[in-house]
Protein backbone atom coordinates (compact mmCIF):
# COMPACT_ATOMS: atom_id res chain seq x y z
CA PRO A 1 6.43 -7.89 -15.77
CA PHE A 2 5.67 -4.42 -17.15
CA ILE A 3 3.08 -1.79 -16.24
CA TYR A 4 0.27 -0.87 -18.64
CA ILE A 5 -2.56 1.63 -18.40
CA GLN A 6 -5.77 0.39 -19.97
CA ASP A 7 -8.74 2.52 -20.97
CA VAL A 8 -11.66 0.50 -19.65
CA MET A 9 -14.13 1.92 -22.16
CA THR A 10 -12.07 1.31 -25.32
CA GLY A 11 -9.80 -1.51 -24.17
CA LYS A 12 -6.81 0.42 -25.53
CA GLN A 13 -3.57 -0.26 -23.62
CA LYS A 14 -0.52 1.95 -23.18
CA GLN A 15 2.69 0.40 -21.85
CA VAL A 16 4.29 2.81 -19.36
CA THR A 17 7.28 0.76 -18.12
CA ARG A 18 9.70 -1.61 -19.77
CA PHE A 19 12.54 -1.81 -17.27
CA LYS A 20 14.63 -4.85 -16.42
CA GLY A 21 13.55 -6.43 -13.13
CA LEU A 22 10.43 -5.59 -11.13
CA ASN A 23 7.82 -3.26 -12.61
CA GLY A 24 4.89 -3.45 -10.21
CA ALA A 25 2.44 -2.16 -7.62
CA PRO A 26 1.17 0.82 -9.65
CA ALA A 27 -1.05 3.36 -7.87
CA PHE A 28 -2.68 6.42 -9.45
CA SER A 29 -2.30 9.77 -7.69
CA PRO A 30 -5.55 11.36 -6.44
CA ASP A 31 -5.59 13.75 -9.44
CA GLY A 32 -4.86 10.91 -11.89
CA LYS A 33 -1.79 12.66 -13.33
CA LYS A 34 0.92 10.51 -11.74
CA LEU A 35 1.59 6.87 -11.09
CA ALA A 36 3.55 5.58 -8.09
CA MET A 37 5.23 2.22 -8.69
CA VAL A 38 7.93 -0.20 -7.60
CA LEU A 39 10.92 -0.68 -9.90
CA SER A 40 14.11 -2.65 -9.39
CA LYS A 41 15.82 -1.24 -12.46
CA ASP A 42 18.68 0.08 -10.31
CA GLY A 43 19.07 -3.21 -8.44
CA ASN A 44 16.89 -2.91 -5.33
CA PRO A 45 13.07 -2.54 -5.23
CA GLU A 46 12.44 1.20 -4.81
CA ILE A 47 9.45 3.53 -5.09
CA TYR A 48 9.24 5.80 -8.15
CA VAL A 49 6.66 8.33 -9.36
CA MET A 50 5.95 8.78 -13.06
CA ASP A 51 4.24 11.75 -14.70
CA ILE A 52 1.70 10.01 -16.95
CA ASN A 53 1.68 12.76 -19.59
CA ASP A 54 5.40 12.93 -20.36
CA GLY A 55 6.72 9.71 -18.77
CA ALA A 56 9.16 11.61 -16.52
CA LEU A 57 10.30 9.32 -13.71
CA LYS A 58 11.38 10.41 -10.23
CA ARG A 59 12.97 8.03 -7.72
CA ILE A 60 11.42 8.50 -4.26
CA THR A 61 13.19 6.00 -1.98
CA ARG A 62 16.92 5.26 -1.69
CA ASN A 63 18.10 2.58 0.71
CA TYR A 64 19.15 -1.05 0.85
CA SER A 65 15.83 -2.39 2.08
CA ILE A 66 12.82 -3.42 0.03
CA ASP A 67 10.36 -0.56 -0.47
CA THR A 68 7.05 -1.61 -2.00
CA GLU A 69 3.25 -1.21 -2.13
CA PRO A 70 2.99 2.58 -2.53
CA ALA A 71 -0.34 4.24 -1.73
CA TRP A 72 -1.09 7.94 -2.10
CA VAL A 73 -2.11 10.17 0.77
CA PRO A 74 -5.40 11.86 -0.26
CA ASP A 75 -3.80 15.30 -0.71
CA GLY A 76 -1.28 13.83 -3.20
CA LYS A 77 1.70 15.30 -1.33
CA SER A 78 2.95 12.08 0.28
CA LEU A 79 3.12 8.33 -0.21
CA ILE A 80 2.63 5.54 2.27
CA TYR A 81 4.57 2.36 1.54
CA THR A 82 5.81 -0.89 3.05
CA SER A 83 9.51 -1.16 3.86
CA ASN A 84 11.65 -3.60 5.82
CA ARG A 85 14.27 -0.92 6.61
CA GLY A 86 13.54 -1.35 10.34
CA GLY A 87 14.12 -5.12 10.24
CA SER A 88 10.56 -6.24 9.43
CA PRO A 89 7.83 -4.98 7.09
CA GLN A 90 6.35 -1.76 8.49
CA LEU A 91 4.49 1.22 7.03
CA TYR A 92 6.20 4.53 6.32
CA LYS A 93 5.01 7.90 5.06
CA GLN A 94 7.24 10.02 2.84
CA ASN A 95 6.68 13.64 1.85
CA LEU A 96 7.30 13.92 -1.90
CA LYS A 97 8.56 17.51 -1.76
CA THR A 98 10.91 17.34 1.23
CA GLY A 99 11.76 13.63 1.15
CA LYS A 100 11.11 13.42 4.91
CA VAL A 101 10.22 9.87 6.00
CA ARG A 102 8.22 8.92 9.09
CA ARG A 103 7.56 5.40 10.35
CA LEU A 104 3.84 4.95 11.02
CA THR A 105 3.61 1.46 12.54
CA TYR A 106 5.39 -0.14 15.48
CA GLN A 107 2.82 -2.69 16.70
CA GLY A 108 3.55 -6.29 15.67
CA ASN A 109 6.31 -7.67 13.49
CA TYR A 110 4.54 -7.21 10.14
CA ASN A 111 2.43 -4.35 8.79
CA ALA A 112 1.89 -4.07 5.04
CA ARG A 113 -0.53 -3.13 2.23
CA GLY A 114 -1.43 0.18 3.88
CA THR A 115 -4.40 2.11 2.57
CA LEU A 116 -5.91 5.34 3.88
CA THR A 117 -9.46 6.54 4.23
CA ALA A 118 -10.34 9.48 1.94
CA ASP A 119 -9.92 11.93 4.84
CA GLY A 120 -6.43 10.53 5.58
CA ARG A 121 -7.27 9.74 9.20
CA TYR A 122 -7.41 5.93 9.27
CA LEU A 123 -4.69 3.62 7.97
CA VAL A 124 -5.86 0.05 7.27
CA MET A 125 -3.29 -2.74 6.82
CA ALA A 126 -2.43 -6.43 6.89
CA HIS A 127 -0.93 -7.09 10.34
CA ARG A 128 0.83 -9.87 12.24
CA GLN A 129 1.37 -9.79 15.99
CA GLU A 130 4.68 -10.73 17.63
CA GLY A 131 4.88 -14.50 18.20
CA LYS A 132 1.85 -15.31 16.02
CA SER A 133 1.67 -16.80 12.55
CA GLN A 134 -1.74 -15.51 11.51
CA PHE A 135 -2.30 -12.36 9.48
CA GLN A 136 -5.13 -10.06 10.45
CA ILE A 137 -6.57 -6.75 9.32
CA ALA A 138 -5.79 -3.80 11.57
CA VAL A 139 -6.47 -0.07 11.59
CA LYS A 140 -4.48 2.82 13.01
CA ASP A 141 -6.13 6.15 13.82
CA LEU A 142 -3.41 8.59 12.77
CA VAL A 143 -5.03 11.47 14.69
CA ARG A 144 -5.45 9.71 18.05
CA ASP A 145 -2.46 7.38 17.50
CA THR A 146 -4.51 4.29 18.41
CA PHE A 147 -4.18 0.81 16.91
CA SER A 148 -6.91 -1.85 16.67
CA ILE A 149 -7.03 -5.36 15.23
CA LEU A 150 -10.27 -5.81 13.28
CA THR A 151 -10.22 -9.52 12.37
CA ASP A 152 -9.20 -12.82 13.94
CA SER A 153 -8.89 -15.36 11.12
CA GLU A 154 -5.87 -17.37 10.01
CA LEU A 155 -5.00 -15.53 6.80
CA ASP A 156 -6.54 -12.09 6.28
CA GLU A 157 -4.96 -9.93 3.59
CA SER A 158 -5.39 -7.29 0.86
CA PRO A 159 -7.56 -4.77 2.75
CA SER A 160 -9.48 -2.14 0.80
CA ILE A 161 -11.65 0.62 2.25
CA ALA A 162 -15.22 0.87 0.99
CA PRO A 163 -16.36 4.21 -0.47
CA ASN A 164 -18.60 4.78 2.59
CA ARG A 165 -15.39 4.79 4.74
CA SER A 166 -17.03 2.60 7.37
CA MET A 167 -16.25 -0.86 6.00
CA VAL A 168 -13.11 -2.75 5.01
CA ILE A 169 -13.23 -5.55 2.44
CA TYR A 170 -10.43 -8.10 2.60
CA ALA A 171 -9.44 -11.56 1.40
CA THR A 172 -9.47 -14.52 3.79
CA THR A 173 -10.20 -18.25 3.86
CA ASP A 174 -13.42 -19.90 4.97
CA ASP A 175 -13.82 -23.03 7.12
CA ARG A 176 -13.15 -25.25 4.07
CA GLY A 177 -9.90 -23.41 3.26
CA LEU A 178 -11.36 -21.64 0.23
CA GLY A 179 -10.46 -18.03 -0.51
CA VAL A 180 -13.37 -15.65 0.05
CA PRO A 181 -13.92 -11.90 0.37
CA ARG A 182 -15.20 -10.64 3.73
CA THR A 183 -16.05 -7.28 5.23
CA VAL A 184 -15.55 -5.80 8.67
CA SER A 185 -16.56 -2.40 10.01
CA MET A 186 -13.78 0.12 10.66
CA ASP A 187 -14.51 -0.11 14.38
CA GLY A 188 -14.35 -3.91 14.35
């Protein structure tokens, strides 16, 4: 797979990656000038940032674990991503200037697909509790350092925060086992 940018109005496509291995999980920076992505061109899935204008590529992560699913912090100075460097998928925040990394999640044995509210306060994610098989949607208040599980279905995934910042839309299955979108308020 390769990464393309498509102009929605004209339909014109521009291919921005053509590396061997994984080329995935692209995410535009808040100013639209950069693209965070996952590449395995050097062997292991790592996070990279590309300047869209000149194609300059900067490697952000460097370790033997899988680093994936980058999401920009609203100020554009850091990325949040999923990594299994601690033994299971958890969410980390990395400052792009200093390279400093901080683990954000410790609850449960699986936290992935992190996305932030526009003010950067709430981190929404797919979550699995220790000893359970079901995936739920959870939220962490990064100011108060509190953690709440918002859903209680069998397979909840792919959370996205609504523009009003009070609702989360996510994918789940209904009683017949069919995939459906659902919403839940940020306070559950």
